[in-house]
């Protein structure tokens, strides 16, 4: 239990919040969670939300051709190879609010992300990357 607590604190220190004085942009997961959980996914647990972002994050890693053996293994485990799905079970985004049915969640998400950026005065990766992660995470896999 003590080792898990240490690991938790070490991991938290690696997250960038993109605030003045922080090096770099806010982490993609933090940007999307802080902006979207309260407004579009209030029924979703934060850890499930983070896990649901994994396919989109893997897609961005693949698109950017990041050469890292550990990331390549993760992408394979999640996305699979040659169109065959990965082996890791990933929770899916489910919109519970019927009034949102038929609307483009990524389009609505962008306004929430930008509002959150303004309120916290934080730096994020470009909007198109955030939307790409969200779109690929929301895509239903066969």
N, C-alpha and C. Protein backbone atom coordinates (compact mmCIF):
# COMPACT_ATOMS: atom_id res chain seq x y z
N UNK A 1 0.82 -1.19 0.00
CA UNK A 1 0.00 0.00 0.00
C UNK A 1 0.87 1.25 0.00
N UNK A 2 1.93 1.26 0.77
CA UNK A 2 2.83 2.41 0.83
C UNK A 2 3.49 2.63 -0.52
N UNK A 3 3.86 1.52 -1.20
CA UNK A 3 4.49 1.65 -2.51
C UNK A 3 3.52 2.23 -3.53
N UNK A 4 2.25 1.84 -3.46
CA UNK A 4 1.25 2.40 -4.37
C UNK A 4 1.07 3.89 -4.13
N UNK A 5 1.09 4.30 -2.88
CA UNK A 5 0.96 5.72 -2.56
C UNK A 5 2.14 6.50 -3.12
N UNK A 6 3.34 5.95 -2.97
CA UNK A 6 4.54 6.59 -3.52
C UNK A 6 4.42 6.72 -5.04
N UNK A 7 3.98 5.63 -5.68
CA UNK A 7 3.82 5.63 -7.13
C UNK A 7 2.81 6.69 -7.57
N UNK A 8 1.73 6.81 -6.82
CA UNK A 8 0.70 7.80 -7.12
C UNK A 8 1.29 9.21 -7.09
N UNK A 9 2.05 9.51 -6.05
CA UNK A 9 2.65 10.84 -5.94
C UNK A 9 3.69 11.08 -7.02
N UNK A 10 4.47 10.06 -7.35
CA UNK A 10 5.46 10.22 -8.41
C UNK A 10 4.78 10.46 -9.76
N UNK A 11 3.72 9.75 -10.01
CA UNK A 11 2.99 9.92 -11.26
C UNK A 11 2.37 11.30 -11.33
N UNK A 12 1.78 11.76 -10.25
CA UNK A 12 1.15 13.09 -10.23
C UNK A 12 2.16 14.19 -10.50
N UNK A 13 3.40 13.99 -10.10
CA UNK A 13 4.40 15.02 -10.33
C UNK A 13 4.78 15.11 -11.81
N UNK A 14 4.43 14.10 -12.60
CA UNK A 14 4.74 14.12 -14.03
C UNK A 14 3.67 14.83 -14.86
N UNK A 15 2.50 15.07 -14.26
CA UNK A 15 1.40 15.71 -14.98
C UNK A 15 1.66 17.20 -15.06
N UNK A 16 1.51 17.74 -16.26
CA UNK A 16 1.66 19.18 -16.44
C UNK A 16 0.28 19.82 -16.46
N UNK A 17 0.15 20.90 -15.72
CA UNK A 17 -1.13 21.60 -15.66
C UNK A 17 -1.16 22.81 -16.58
N UNK A 18 -0.04 23.12 -17.24
CA UNK A 18 0.01 24.20 -18.21
C UNK A 18 -0.19 25.59 -17.63
N UNK A 19 -0.06 25.72 -16.32
CA UNK A 19 -0.26 27.01 -15.67
C UNK A 19 1.01 27.85 -15.77
N UNK A 20 0.88 29.16 -15.63
CA UNK A 20 2.09 30.00 -15.66
C UNK A 20 3.12 29.47 -14.66
N UNK A 21 4.33 29.30 -15.12
CA UNK A 21 5.38 28.76 -14.26
C UNK A 21 5.60 27.27 -14.46
N UNK A 22 4.59 26.56 -15.01
CA UNK A 22 4.75 25.13 -15.32
C UNK A 22 5.48 25.00 -16.65
N UNK A 23 6.38 24.05 -16.74
CA UNK A 23 7.02 23.83 -18.04
C UNK A 23 6.07 23.07 -18.96
N UNK A 24 5.86 23.56 -20.14
CA UNK A 24 5.08 22.83 -21.13
C UNK A 24 3.58 23.02 -21.04
N UNK A 25 2.91 22.33 -21.94
CA UNK A 25 1.45 22.39 -22.04
C UNK A 25 0.81 21.51 -20.98
N UNK A 26 -0.49 21.76 -20.76
CA UNK A 26 -1.27 20.90 -19.88
C UNK A 26 -1.39 19.54 -20.56
N UNK A 27 -1.37 18.47 -19.77
CA UNK A 27 -1.47 17.14 -20.36
C UNK A 27 -2.82 17.02 -21.08
N UNK A 28 -2.82 16.24 -22.15
CA UNK A 28 -4.03 16.07 -22.96
C UNK A 28 -5.17 15.52 -22.11
N UNK A 29 -4.89 14.51 -21.30
CA UNK A 29 -5.93 13.92 -20.45
C UNK A 29 -6.48 14.93 -19.46
N UNK A 30 -5.59 15.72 -18.87
CA UNK A 30 -6.02 16.74 -17.90
C UNK A 30 -6.88 17.80 -18.59
N UNK A 31 -6.46 18.23 -19.77
CA UNK A 31 -7.22 19.26 -20.50
C UNK A 31 -8.63 18.77 -20.83
N UNK A 32 -8.73 17.55 -21.34
CA UNK A 32 -10.04 17.02 -21.72
C UNK A 32 -10.91 16.73 -20.50
N UNK A 33 -10.32 16.15 -19.47
CA UNK A 33 -11.10 15.82 -18.26
C UNK A 33 -11.61 17.08 -17.57
N UNK A 34 -10.73 18.06 -17.37
CA UNK A 34 -11.13 19.28 -16.67
C UNK A 34 -12.20 20.05 -17.45
N UNK A 35 -12.15 19.95 -18.76
CA UNK A 35 -13.09 20.70 -19.60
C UNK A 35 -14.40 19.97 -19.82
N UNK A 36 -14.35 18.64 -19.91
CA UNK A 36 -15.53 17.91 -20.40
C UNK A 36 -16.29 17.11 -19.35
N UNK A 37 -15.62 16.61 -18.34
CA UNK A 37 -16.35 15.80 -17.35
C UNK A 37 -17.48 16.60 -16.71
N UNK A 38 -17.23 17.84 -16.25
CA UNK A 38 -18.33 18.56 -15.60
C UNK A 38 -19.51 18.87 -16.53
N UNK A 39 -19.24 19.12 -17.80
CA UNK A 39 -20.30 19.57 -18.72
C UNK A 39 -20.94 18.46 -19.55
N UNK A 40 -20.11 17.59 -20.14
CA UNK A 40 -20.64 16.61 -21.09
C UNK A 40 -20.69 15.19 -20.54
N UNK A 41 -19.85 14.89 -19.57
CA UNK A 41 -19.77 13.53 -19.03
C UNK A 41 -19.85 13.51 -17.51
N UNK A 42 -20.83 14.18 -16.91
CA UNK A 42 -20.85 14.27 -15.43
C UNK A 42 -21.08 12.92 -14.75
N UNK A 43 -21.64 11.95 -15.47
CA UNK A 43 -21.92 10.65 -14.87
C UNK A 43 -20.71 9.72 -14.94
N UNK A 44 -19.65 10.15 -15.62
CA UNK A 44 -18.50 9.28 -15.85
C UNK A 44 -17.43 9.51 -14.78
N UNK A 45 -16.90 8.44 -14.25
CA UNK A 45 -15.81 8.51 -13.28
C UNK A 45 -14.55 8.99 -14.00
N UNK A 46 -13.74 9.79 -13.33
CA UNK A 46 -12.54 10.36 -13.95
C UNK A 46 -11.60 9.28 -14.48
N UNK A 47 -11.43 8.20 -13.75
CA UNK A 47 -10.52 7.14 -14.22
C UNK A 47 -11.07 6.44 -15.46
N UNK A 48 -12.38 6.26 -15.52
CA UNK A 48 -12.99 5.69 -16.72
C UNK A 48 -12.83 6.64 -17.90
N UNK A 49 -12.97 7.93 -17.62
CA UNK A 49 -12.79 8.94 -18.67
C UNK A 49 -11.36 8.86 -19.21
N UNK A 50 -10.38 8.83 -18.30
CA UNK A 50 -8.97 8.74 -18.73
C UNK A 50 -8.75 7.48 -19.56
N UNK A 51 -9.27 6.35 -19.10
CA UNK A 51 -9.10 5.09 -19.82
C UNK A 51 -9.76 5.16 -21.19
N UNK A 52 -10.88 5.85 -21.30
CA UNK A 52 -11.58 5.98 -22.57
C UNK A 52 -10.79 6.79 -23.59
N UNK A 53 -9.86 7.60 -23.13
CA UNK A 53 -9.04 8.41 -24.03
C UNK A 53 -7.89 7.64 -24.66
N UNK A 54 -7.61 6.45 -24.16
CA UNK A 54 -6.44 5.69 -24.62
C UNK A 54 -6.44 5.45 -26.13
N UNK A 55 -7.55 5.04 -26.77
CA UNK A 55 -7.49 4.84 -28.23
C UNK A 55 -7.12 6.12 -28.98
N UNK A 56 -7.64 7.25 -28.56
CA UNK A 56 -7.32 8.51 -29.22
C UNK A 56 -5.87 8.91 -29.01
N UNK A 57 -5.38 8.69 -27.80
CA UNK A 57 -3.97 8.98 -27.52
C UNK A 57 -3.06 8.09 -28.36
N UNK A 58 -3.43 6.81 -28.46
CA UNK A 58 -2.64 5.89 -29.27
C UNK A 58 -2.65 6.29 -30.74
N UNK A 59 -3.80 6.75 -31.21
CA UNK A 59 -3.90 7.20 -32.60
C UNK A 59 -2.95 8.38 -32.85
N UNK A 60 -2.93 9.34 -31.94
CA UNK A 60 -2.05 10.51 -32.09
C UNK A 60 -0.59 10.07 -32.05
N UNK A 61 -0.26 9.13 -31.18
CA UNK A 61 1.11 8.62 -31.12
C UNK A 61 1.48 7.98 -32.45
N UNK A 62 0.56 7.19 -32.99
CA UNK A 62 0.79 6.51 -34.26
C UNK A 62 0.93 7.53 -35.40
N UNK A 63 0.07 8.54 -35.42
CA UNK A 63 0.11 9.58 -36.46
C UNK A 63 1.43 10.34 -36.45
N UNK A 64 1.93 10.59 -35.27
CA UNK A 64 3.16 11.39 -35.13
C UNK A 64 4.41 10.52 -35.24
N UNK A 65 4.21 9.21 -35.43
CA UNK A 65 5.31 8.27 -35.64
C UNK A 65 6.38 8.42 -34.57
N UNK A 66 5.92 8.41 -33.33
CA UNK A 66 6.83 8.52 -32.19
C UNK A 66 7.56 7.19 -32.04
N UNK A 67 8.86 7.24 -32.05
CA UNK A 67 9.67 6.03 -31.98
C UNK A 67 10.06 5.74 -30.53
N UNK A 68 9.29 4.88 -29.90
CA UNK A 68 9.54 4.49 -28.52
C UNK A 68 8.98 3.08 -28.36
N UNK A 69 9.83 2.09 -28.09
CA UNK A 69 9.35 0.70 -28.03
C UNK A 69 8.21 0.47 -27.04
N UNK A 70 8.23 1.14 -25.89
CA UNK A 70 7.16 0.96 -24.91
C UNK A 70 5.85 1.52 -25.44
N UNK A 71 5.90 2.69 -26.08
CA UNK A 71 4.68 3.26 -26.65
C UNK A 71 4.17 2.42 -27.81
N UNK A 72 5.09 1.89 -28.62
CA UNK A 72 4.67 1.05 -29.74
C UNK A 72 3.95 -0.20 -29.24
N UNK A 73 4.44 -0.79 -28.16
CA UNK A 73 3.78 -1.97 -27.58
C UNK A 73 2.40 -1.62 -27.06
N UNK A 74 2.28 -0.45 -26.39
CA UNK A 74 0.99 -0.01 -25.88
C UNK A 74 0.01 0.21 -27.03
N UNK A 75 0.47 0.88 -28.09
CA UNK A 75 -0.40 1.13 -29.24
C UNK A 75 -0.88 -0.20 -29.82
N UNK A 76 0.00 -1.18 -29.95
CA UNK A 76 -0.40 -2.49 -30.47
C UNK A 76 -1.42 -3.15 -29.55
N UNK A 77 -1.20 -3.09 -28.24
CA UNK A 77 -2.12 -3.71 -27.28
C UNK A 77 -3.51 -3.07 -27.36
N UNK A 78 -3.56 -1.77 -27.62
CA UNK A 78 -4.83 -1.06 -27.64
C UNK A 78 -5.50 -1.13 -29.02
N UNK A 79 -4.75 -0.80 -30.06
CA UNK A 79 -5.34 -0.69 -31.39
C UNK A 79 -5.27 -1.97 -32.20
N UNK A 80 -4.36 -2.87 -31.85
CA UNK A 80 -4.19 -4.08 -32.63
C UNK A 80 -3.35 -3.81 -33.85
N UNK A 81 -3.42 -4.71 -34.80
CA UNK A 81 -2.60 -4.58 -36.01
C UNK A 81 -3.42 -5.01 -37.21
N UNK A 82 -3.23 -4.31 -38.32
CA UNK A 82 -3.90 -4.70 -39.56
C UNK A 82 -5.41 -4.67 -39.47
N UNK A 83 -5.96 -3.74 -38.72
CA UNK A 83 -7.40 -3.61 -38.61
C UNK A 83 -8.04 -4.52 -37.58
N UNK A 84 -7.24 -5.40 -36.97
CA UNK A 84 -7.76 -6.29 -35.94
C UNK A 84 -7.62 -5.59 -34.60
N UNK A 85 -8.70 -5.52 -33.85
CA UNK A 85 -8.71 -4.78 -32.59
C UNK A 85 -7.70 -5.26 -31.57
N UNK A 86 -7.37 -4.39 -30.65
CA UNK A 86 -6.40 -4.70 -29.61
C UNK A 86 -6.97 -5.63 -28.55
N UNK A 87 -6.12 -5.96 -27.59
CA UNK A 87 -6.51 -6.93 -26.56
C UNK A 87 -6.97 -6.28 -25.27
N UNK A 88 -6.67 -5.01 -25.08
CA UNK A 88 -7.04 -4.37 -23.82
C UNK A 88 -8.47 -3.85 -23.88
N UNK A 89 -9.29 -4.17 -22.87
CA UNK A 89 -10.66 -3.63 -22.86
C UNK A 89 -10.63 -2.14 -22.50
N UNK A 90 -11.26 -1.34 -23.31
CA UNK A 90 -11.28 0.10 -23.10
C UNK A 90 -12.74 0.53 -22.88
N UNK A 91 -13.03 1.25 -21.79
CA UNK A 91 -14.39 1.74 -21.60
C UNK A 91 -14.77 2.70 -22.73
N UNK A 92 -16.01 2.72 -23.10
CA UNK A 92 -16.43 3.63 -24.17
C UNK A 92 -17.15 4.83 -23.57
N UNK A 93 -17.11 5.91 -24.34
CA UNK A 93 -17.85 7.11 -23.94
C UNK A 93 -19.33 6.84 -24.19
N UNK A 94 -20.13 7.12 -23.20
CA UNK A 94 -21.57 6.98 -23.38
C UNK A 94 -22.22 8.26 -22.89
N UNK A 95 -22.89 8.94 -23.78
CA UNK A 95 -23.58 10.17 -23.44
C UNK A 95 -24.92 9.80 -22.83
N UNK A 96 -25.14 10.16 -21.59
CA UNK A 96 -26.37 9.82 -20.90
C UNK A 96 -27.47 10.86 -21.13
N UNK A 97 -27.09 12.08 -21.46
CA UNK A 97 -28.05 13.17 -21.63
C UNK A 97 -28.70 13.08 -23.01
N UNK A 98 -29.99 12.72 -23.04
CA UNK A 98 -30.71 12.56 -24.30
C UNK A 98 -30.77 13.85 -25.11
N UNK A 99 -30.68 14.99 -24.46
CA UNK A 99 -30.75 16.26 -25.19
C UNK A 99 -29.51 16.48 -26.05
N UNK A 100 -28.44 15.72 -25.82
CA UNK A 100 -27.21 15.87 -26.60
C UNK A 100 -27.17 14.93 -27.81
N UNK A 101 -28.13 14.01 -27.90
CA UNK A 101 -28.14 13.07 -29.01
C UNK A 101 -28.28 13.83 -30.33
N UNK A 102 -27.47 13.43 -31.31
CA UNK A 102 -27.52 14.07 -32.62
C UNK A 102 -26.57 15.24 -32.77
N UNK A 103 -25.98 15.70 -31.69
CA UNK A 103 -25.01 16.80 -31.76
C UNK A 103 -23.61 16.23 -31.86
N UNK A 104 -22.73 17.00 -32.46
CA UNK A 104 -21.33 16.61 -32.56
C UNK A 104 -20.64 16.92 -31.23
N UNK A 105 -20.33 15.89 -30.48
CA UNK A 105 -19.67 16.08 -29.18
C UNK A 105 -18.31 16.76 -29.36
N UNK A 106 -17.48 16.34 -30.34
CA UNK A 106 -16.20 17.04 -30.50
C UNK A 106 -16.36 18.54 -30.77
N UNK A 107 -17.37 18.93 -31.55
CA UNK A 107 -17.59 20.36 -31.81
C UNK A 107 -18.00 21.08 -30.54
N UNK A 108 -18.90 20.47 -29.77
CA UNK A 108 -19.31 21.09 -28.50
C UNK A 108 -18.15 21.11 -27.52
N UNK A 109 -17.33 20.08 -27.56
CA UNK A 109 -16.20 19.98 -26.63
C UNK A 109 -15.22 21.12 -26.82
N UNK A 110 -15.01 21.54 -28.05
CA UNK A 110 -14.03 22.59 -28.32
C UNK A 110 -14.38 23.87 -27.57
N UNK A 111 -15.65 24.25 -27.54
CA UNK A 111 -16.02 25.47 -26.82
C UNK A 111 -15.79 25.31 -25.32
N UNK A 112 -16.05 24.12 -24.78
CA UNK A 112 -15.80 23.87 -23.35
C UNK A 112 -14.30 23.89 -23.04
N UNK A 113 -13.51 23.32 -23.94
CA UNK A 113 -12.05 23.31 -23.75
C UNK A 113 -11.52 24.74 -23.76
N UNK A 114 -11.96 25.53 -24.73
CA UNK A 114 -11.48 26.91 -24.83
C UNK A 114 -11.93 27.75 -23.64
N UNK A 115 -13.14 27.52 -23.15
CA UNK A 115 -13.60 28.23 -21.95
C UNK A 115 -12.74 27.87 -20.75
N UNK A 116 -12.44 26.59 -20.61
CA UNK A 116 -11.61 26.13 -19.50
C UNK A 116 -10.20 26.71 -19.60
N UNK A 117 -9.66 26.79 -20.81
CA UNK A 117 -8.34 27.41 -21.01
C UNK A 117 -8.35 28.86 -20.55
N UNK A 118 -9.42 29.57 -20.88
CA UNK A 118 -9.53 30.98 -20.53
C UNK A 118 -9.63 31.17 -19.02
N UNK A 119 -10.45 30.37 -18.38
CA UNK A 119 -10.63 30.49 -16.93
C UNK A 119 -9.32 30.23 -16.19
N UNK A 120 -8.61 29.18 -16.56
CA UNK A 120 -7.41 28.78 -15.83
C UNK A 120 -6.13 29.39 -16.40
N UNK A 121 -6.25 30.07 -17.55
CA UNK A 121 -5.08 30.68 -18.21
C UNK A 121 -3.95 29.66 -18.38
N UNK A 122 -4.33 28.48 -18.88
CA UNK A 122 -3.34 27.41 -19.05
C UNK A 122 -3.01 27.22 -20.52
N UNK A 123 -1.91 26.57 -20.78
CA UNK A 123 -1.48 26.27 -22.13
C UNK A 123 -1.82 24.83 -22.45
N UNK A 124 -2.39 24.60 -23.62
CA UNK A 124 -2.72 23.26 -24.06
C UNK A 124 -2.06 22.99 -25.40
N UNK A 125 -2.01 21.71 -25.76
CA UNK A 125 -1.60 21.36 -27.10
C UNK A 125 -2.62 22.00 -28.06
N UNK A 126 -2.32 22.08 -29.35
CA UNK A 126 -3.28 22.69 -30.28
C UNK A 126 -4.67 22.02 -30.21
N UNK A 127 -5.69 22.83 -30.42
CA UNK A 127 -7.07 22.35 -30.35
C UNK A 127 -7.31 21.14 -31.26
N UNK A 128 -6.71 21.14 -32.45
CA UNK A 128 -6.96 20.03 -33.38
C UNK A 128 -6.45 18.70 -32.81
N UNK A 129 -5.39 18.73 -32.02
CA UNK A 129 -4.89 17.50 -31.40
C UNK A 129 -5.88 17.01 -30.33
N UNK A 130 -6.38 17.94 -29.51
CA UNK A 130 -7.35 17.57 -28.48
C UNK A 130 -8.61 16.96 -29.11
N UNK A 131 -9.09 17.59 -30.18
CA UNK A 131 -10.29 17.09 -30.85
C UNK A 131 -10.02 15.75 -31.52
N UNK A 132 -8.83 15.59 -32.09
CA UNK A 132 -8.48 14.32 -32.72
C UNK A 132 -8.47 13.19 -31.69
N UNK A 133 -7.91 13.44 -30.53
CA UNK A 133 -7.90 12.43 -29.46
C UNK A 133 -9.34 12.08 -29.08
N UNK A 134 -10.18 13.08 -28.92
CA UNK A 134 -11.56 12.84 -28.53
C UNK A 134 -12.32 12.09 -29.62
N UNK A 135 -12.18 12.51 -30.87
CA UNK A 135 -12.89 11.85 -31.97
C UNK A 135 -12.50 10.37 -32.07
N UNK A 136 -11.22 10.08 -32.00
CA UNK A 136 -10.78 8.69 -32.14
C UNK A 136 -11.12 7.86 -30.91
N UNK A 137 -11.27 8.51 -29.78
CA UNK A 137 -11.68 7.80 -28.57
C UNK A 137 -13.16 7.47 -28.60
N UNK A 138 -13.93 8.31 -29.27
CA UNK A 138 -15.39 8.12 -29.33
C UNK A 138 -15.81 7.20 -30.47
N UNK A 139 -14.91 6.92 -31.40
CA UNK A 139 -15.24 6.05 -32.53
C UNK A 139 -15.49 4.64 -32.02
N UNK A 140 -16.63 4.11 -32.41
CA UNK A 140 -16.95 2.73 -32.02
C UNK A 140 -16.15 1.77 -32.86
N UNK A 141 -15.52 0.82 -32.20
CA UNK A 141 -14.73 -0.20 -32.89
C UNK A 141 -15.61 -1.44 -33.08
N UNK A 142 -15.43 -2.15 -34.22
CA UNK A 142 -16.22 -3.36 -34.45
C UNK A 142 -15.91 -4.46 -33.46
